[in-house]
N, C-alpha and C. Protein backbone atom coordinates (compact mmCIF):
# COMPACT_ATOMS: atom_id res chain seq x y z
N MET A 1 75.37 -15.88 46.72
CA MET A 1 74.33 -16.66 47.36
C MET A 1 72.99 -15.96 47.15
N ASN A 2 72.02 -16.76 46.81
CA ASN A 2 70.73 -16.24 46.44
C ASN A 2 69.65 -16.92 47.27
N TYR A 3 68.98 -16.17 48.12
CA TYR A 3 67.87 -16.71 48.88
C TYR A 3 66.58 -16.40 48.12
N ILE A 4 65.81 -17.42 47.87
CA ILE A 4 64.54 -17.26 47.15
C ILE A 4 63.43 -17.79 48.05
N LYS A 5 62.39 -16.98 48.22
CA LYS A 5 61.26 -17.37 49.05
C LYS A 5 60.26 -18.16 48.20
N CYS A 6 59.85 -19.29 48.70
CA CYS A 6 58.89 -20.14 47.99
C CYS A 6 57.51 -19.48 48.01
N PRO A 7 56.84 -19.34 46.87
CA PRO A 7 55.51 -18.73 46.85
C PRO A 7 54.43 -19.64 47.44
N ASN A 8 54.74 -20.92 47.57
CA ASN A 8 53.76 -21.88 48.06
C ASN A 8 53.81 -22.03 49.58
N CYS A 9 55.02 -22.29 50.13
CA CYS A 9 55.13 -22.57 51.57
C CYS A 9 55.86 -21.47 52.35
N SER A 10 56.34 -20.43 51.69
CA SER A 10 57.01 -19.27 52.29
C SER A 10 58.32 -19.62 52.99
N LYS A 11 58.96 -20.70 52.64
CA LYS A 11 60.28 -21.06 53.17
C LYS A 11 61.34 -20.49 52.24
N PHE A 12 62.50 -20.12 52.81
CA PHE A 12 63.60 -19.59 52.01
C PHE A 12 64.50 -20.73 51.56
N ASN A 13 64.94 -20.67 50.30
CA ASN A 13 65.80 -21.69 49.72
C ASN A 13 67.05 -21.01 49.18
N LEU A 14 68.17 -21.70 49.27
CA LEU A 14 69.44 -21.14 48.84
C LEU A 14 69.87 -21.79 47.53
N ASN A 15 69.91 -20.97 46.45
CA ASN A 15 70.40 -21.40 45.14
C ASN A 15 69.76 -22.69 44.65
N ARG A 16 68.46 -22.74 44.64
CA ARG A 16 67.75 -23.93 44.17
C ARG A 16 66.72 -23.52 43.12
N GLU A 17 66.39 -24.46 42.25
CA GLU A 17 65.34 -24.22 41.27
C GLU A 17 63.98 -24.68 41.78
N ASP A 18 64.00 -25.65 42.70
CA ASP A 18 62.78 -26.17 43.30
C ASP A 18 62.87 -26.01 44.81
N CYS A 19 61.73 -25.83 45.45
CA CYS A 19 61.68 -25.69 46.91
C CYS A 19 62.08 -27.01 47.55
N ALA A 20 62.93 -26.94 48.58
CA ALA A 20 63.38 -28.14 49.28
C ALA A 20 62.27 -28.74 50.12
N VAL A 21 61.29 -27.94 50.53
CA VAL A 21 60.22 -28.42 51.41
C VAL A 21 59.05 -28.99 50.62
N CYS A 22 58.51 -28.19 49.68
CA CYS A 22 57.29 -28.62 48.99
C CYS A 22 57.51 -29.01 47.53
N GLY A 23 58.66 -28.69 46.96
CA GLY A 23 58.95 -29.09 45.58
C GLY A 23 58.41 -28.15 44.52
N THR A 24 57.86 -27.01 44.91
CA THR A 24 57.34 -26.04 43.95
C THR A 24 58.49 -25.38 43.19
N SER A 25 58.30 -25.13 41.92
CA SER A 25 59.32 -24.48 41.11
C SER A 25 59.50 -23.04 41.57
N LEU A 26 60.76 -22.63 41.73
CA LEU A 26 61.07 -21.27 42.17
C LEU A 26 61.45 -20.37 41.01
N MET A 27 61.50 -20.91 39.80
CA MET A 27 61.87 -20.13 38.63
C MET A 27 60.65 -19.33 38.16
N ILE A 28 60.72 -18.02 38.32
CA ILE A 28 59.59 -17.15 38.01
C ILE A 28 59.25 -17.18 36.52
N SER A 29 60.27 -17.18 35.68
CA SER A 29 60.01 -17.16 34.24
C SER A 29 59.31 -18.44 33.79
N GLU A 30 59.70 -19.58 34.35
CA GLU A 30 59.02 -20.84 34.00
C GLU A 30 57.58 -20.83 34.48
N ASN A 31 57.36 -20.30 35.67
CA ASN A 31 55.99 -20.24 36.19
C ASN A 31 55.11 -19.35 35.31
N ARG A 32 55.68 -18.23 34.85
CA ARG A 32 54.92 -17.33 33.98
C ARG A 32 54.61 -18.00 32.65
N LYS A 33 55.59 -18.70 32.08
CA LYS A 33 55.36 -19.39 30.81
C LYS A 33 54.27 -20.44 30.94
N GLN A 34 54.31 -21.21 32.04
CA GLN A 34 53.29 -22.24 32.25
C GLN A 34 51.92 -21.61 32.41
N LYS A 35 51.86 -20.49 33.14
CA LYS A 35 50.58 -19.82 33.34
C LYS A 35 50.04 -19.27 32.01
N GLN A 36 50.92 -18.68 31.20
CA GLN A 36 50.50 -18.15 29.90
C GLN A 36 50.02 -19.27 28.98
N LEU A 37 50.73 -20.40 28.99
CA LEU A 37 50.29 -21.53 28.16
C LEU A 37 48.94 -22.05 28.61
N GLN A 38 48.73 -22.12 29.93
CA GLN A 38 47.45 -22.59 30.45
C GLN A 38 46.33 -21.62 30.07
N GLU A 39 46.59 -20.31 30.19
CA GLU A 39 45.57 -19.32 29.81
C GLU A 39 45.26 -19.40 28.32
N ARG A 40 46.28 -19.61 27.50
CA ARG A 40 46.08 -19.73 26.06
C ARG A 40 45.24 -20.96 25.73
N ASP A 41 45.55 -22.08 26.39
CA ASP A 41 44.77 -23.30 26.16
C ASP A 41 43.32 -23.11 26.59
N ASP A 42 43.11 -22.44 27.73
CA ASP A 42 41.75 -22.18 28.19
C ASP A 42 41.00 -21.28 27.20
N ALA A 43 41.68 -20.26 26.69
CA ALA A 43 41.05 -19.35 25.73
C ALA A 43 40.71 -20.09 24.44
N LEU A 44 41.60 -20.96 23.97
CA LEU A 44 41.31 -21.73 22.76
C LEU A 44 40.15 -22.68 22.97
N ALA A 45 40.09 -23.30 24.14
CA ALA A 45 38.98 -24.21 24.42
C ALA A 45 37.67 -23.44 24.46
N LYS A 46 37.70 -22.27 25.07
CA LYS A 46 36.48 -21.47 25.16
C LYS A 46 36.05 -20.97 23.78
N SER A 47 37.00 -20.53 22.96
CA SER A 47 36.64 -20.04 21.63
C SER A 47 36.14 -21.16 20.74
N SER A 48 36.73 -22.34 20.86
CA SER A 48 36.25 -23.46 20.04
C SER A 48 34.87 -23.89 20.50
N GLU A 49 34.59 -23.73 21.79
CA GLU A 49 33.27 -24.08 22.31
C GLU A 49 32.22 -23.12 21.76
N THR A 50 32.54 -21.82 21.70
CA THR A 50 31.58 -20.87 21.16
C THR A 50 31.47 -20.99 19.65
N ASP A 51 32.53 -21.44 18.97
CA ASP A 51 32.46 -21.61 17.52
C ASP A 51 31.53 -22.75 17.13
N LYS A 52 31.34 -23.72 18.01
CA LYS A 52 30.46 -24.84 17.70
C LYS A 52 29.01 -24.39 17.65
N ASN A 53 28.67 -23.36 18.42
CA ASN A 53 27.30 -22.85 18.40
C ASN A 53 27.08 -22.08 17.11
N GLY A 54 25.92 -22.28 16.52
CA GLY A 54 25.60 -21.58 15.29
C GLY A 54 25.13 -20.16 15.57
N ILE A 55 24.78 -19.48 14.50
CA ILE A 55 24.34 -18.09 14.65
C ILE A 55 23.03 -18.03 15.41
N TYR A 56 22.18 -19.03 15.24
CA TYR A 56 20.90 -19.02 15.95
C TYR A 56 21.13 -19.10 17.46
N GLU A 57 22.04 -19.96 17.89
CA GLU A 57 22.31 -20.09 19.33
C GLU A 57 22.89 -18.80 19.90
N ARG A 58 23.76 -18.15 19.14
CA ARG A 58 24.34 -16.89 19.63
C ARG A 58 23.28 -15.80 19.69
N MET A 59 22.39 -15.77 18.70
CA MET A 59 21.35 -14.75 18.70
C MET A 59 20.32 -15.02 19.79
N LYS A 60 20.02 -16.29 20.03
CA LYS A 60 19.03 -16.66 21.04
C LYS A 60 19.48 -16.23 22.43
N ASN A 61 20.79 -16.23 22.68
CA ASN A 61 21.33 -15.87 24.00
C ASN A 61 21.93 -14.47 24.02
N HIS A 62 21.54 -13.62 23.09
CA HIS A 62 22.11 -12.27 22.99
C HIS A 62 21.58 -11.37 24.10
N ASN A 63 22.32 -10.30 24.39
CA ASN A 63 21.93 -9.36 25.45
C ASN A 63 20.75 -8.48 25.03
N LEU A 64 20.69 -8.11 23.77
CA LEU A 64 19.66 -7.19 23.31
C LEU A 64 18.38 -7.94 22.95
N ALA A 65 17.25 -7.39 23.41
CA ALA A 65 15.96 -8.03 23.17
C ALA A 65 15.61 -8.09 21.68
N PRO A 66 15.84 -7.04 20.88
CA PRO A 66 15.48 -7.14 19.45
C PRO A 66 16.22 -8.27 18.72
N VAL A 67 17.44 -8.54 19.13
CA VAL A 67 18.19 -9.63 18.50
C VAL A 67 17.56 -10.97 18.88
N ARG A 68 17.15 -11.11 20.13
CA ARG A 68 16.47 -12.35 20.55
C ARG A 68 15.15 -12.51 19.83
N TRP A 69 14.42 -11.41 19.63
CA TRP A 69 13.15 -11.47 18.89
C TRP A 69 13.38 -11.86 17.45
N LEU A 70 14.43 -11.33 16.85
CA LEU A 70 14.78 -11.69 15.48
C LEU A 70 15.08 -13.18 15.38
N ALA A 71 15.77 -13.71 16.38
CA ALA A 71 16.10 -15.14 16.38
C ALA A 71 14.83 -15.98 16.48
N SER A 72 13.91 -15.58 17.34
CA SER A 72 12.66 -16.35 17.45
C SER A 72 11.83 -16.20 16.18
N GLY A 73 11.86 -15.02 15.55
CA GLY A 73 11.16 -14.83 14.28
C GLY A 73 11.75 -15.68 13.17
N MET A 74 13.09 -15.77 13.14
CA MET A 74 13.74 -16.62 12.14
C MET A 74 13.33 -18.08 12.32
N LYS A 75 13.24 -18.51 13.57
CA LYS A 75 12.85 -19.90 13.82
C LYS A 75 11.40 -20.12 13.39
N SER A 76 10.53 -19.17 13.67
CA SER A 76 9.13 -19.30 13.28
C SER A 76 8.98 -19.35 11.76
N ILE A 77 9.69 -18.47 11.07
CA ILE A 77 9.64 -18.46 9.61
C ILE A 77 10.16 -19.78 9.05
N TRP A 78 11.23 -20.30 9.64
CA TRP A 78 11.80 -21.57 9.19
C TRP A 78 10.81 -22.71 9.38
N LEU A 79 10.13 -22.73 10.53
CA LEU A 79 9.15 -23.79 10.79
C LEU A 79 7.97 -23.71 9.82
N VAL A 80 7.51 -22.50 9.51
CA VAL A 80 6.42 -22.33 8.55
C VAL A 80 6.87 -22.80 7.17
N PHE A 81 8.08 -22.46 6.77
CA PHE A 81 8.62 -22.88 5.48
C PHE A 81 8.68 -24.41 5.40
N ILE A 82 9.17 -25.06 6.44
CA ILE A 82 9.24 -26.53 6.45
C ILE A 82 7.83 -27.13 6.37
N GLY A 83 6.89 -26.53 7.10
CA GLY A 83 5.51 -27.03 7.06
C GLY A 83 4.89 -26.91 5.68
N VAL A 84 5.08 -25.77 5.03
CA VAL A 84 4.51 -25.55 3.70
C VAL A 84 5.13 -26.49 2.68
N THR A 85 6.45 -26.65 2.70
CA THR A 85 7.09 -27.55 1.74
C THR A 85 6.69 -29.00 1.99
N THR A 86 6.49 -29.37 3.24
CA THR A 86 6.03 -30.73 3.54
C THR A 86 4.62 -30.94 3.00
N LEU A 87 3.76 -29.94 3.17
CA LEU A 87 2.40 -30.03 2.65
C LEU A 87 2.39 -30.12 1.13
N ILE A 88 3.22 -29.34 0.47
CA ILE A 88 3.31 -29.40 -1.00
C ILE A 88 3.81 -30.77 -1.44
N ALA A 89 4.80 -31.30 -0.77
CA ALA A 89 5.32 -32.63 -1.12
C ALA A 89 4.25 -33.70 -0.91
N LEU A 90 3.46 -33.58 0.15
CA LEU A 90 2.39 -34.54 0.41
C LEU A 90 1.33 -34.47 -0.69
N ILE A 91 0.93 -33.26 -1.07
CA ILE A 91 -0.08 -33.10 -2.12
C ILE A 91 0.43 -33.64 -3.45
N LEU A 92 1.68 -33.35 -3.80
CA LEU A 92 2.24 -33.86 -5.05
C LEU A 92 2.34 -35.38 -5.05
N SER A 93 2.66 -35.96 -3.91
CA SER A 93 2.76 -37.43 -3.87
C SER A 93 1.39 -38.08 -3.97
N VAL A 94 0.35 -37.43 -3.46
CA VAL A 94 -1.01 -37.97 -3.58
C VAL A 94 -1.47 -37.93 -5.03
N PHE A 95 -1.21 -36.82 -5.74
CA PHE A 95 -1.62 -36.71 -7.13
C PHE A 95 -0.77 -37.57 -8.06
N ALA A 96 0.46 -37.84 -7.67
CA ALA A 96 1.34 -38.66 -8.51
C ALA A 96 0.90 -40.12 -8.49
N GLY A 97 0.24 -40.48 -7.44
CA GLY A 97 -0.36 -41.80 -7.43
C GLY A 97 0.43 -42.80 -6.73
């Protein structure tokens, strides 16, 4: 005879897989497996969420100030590059007629 205490309602159950009062599973190994699967799914969701962010987003939210400055400098250089190429394209289109 095996008395198992329910982790949810603290009632003792005799030779059962589920609690007679609240229906919670009393199998410790199954509970651990479910918890591990849930933690793995949460970790995968979190990692896929961070993978969607590009390097600029990661650098912009970095802990170190020089890395954040580098990110803002990269953005500034990119904006200047886009502006210059747009101006060159505009000038070429005006001369092309």
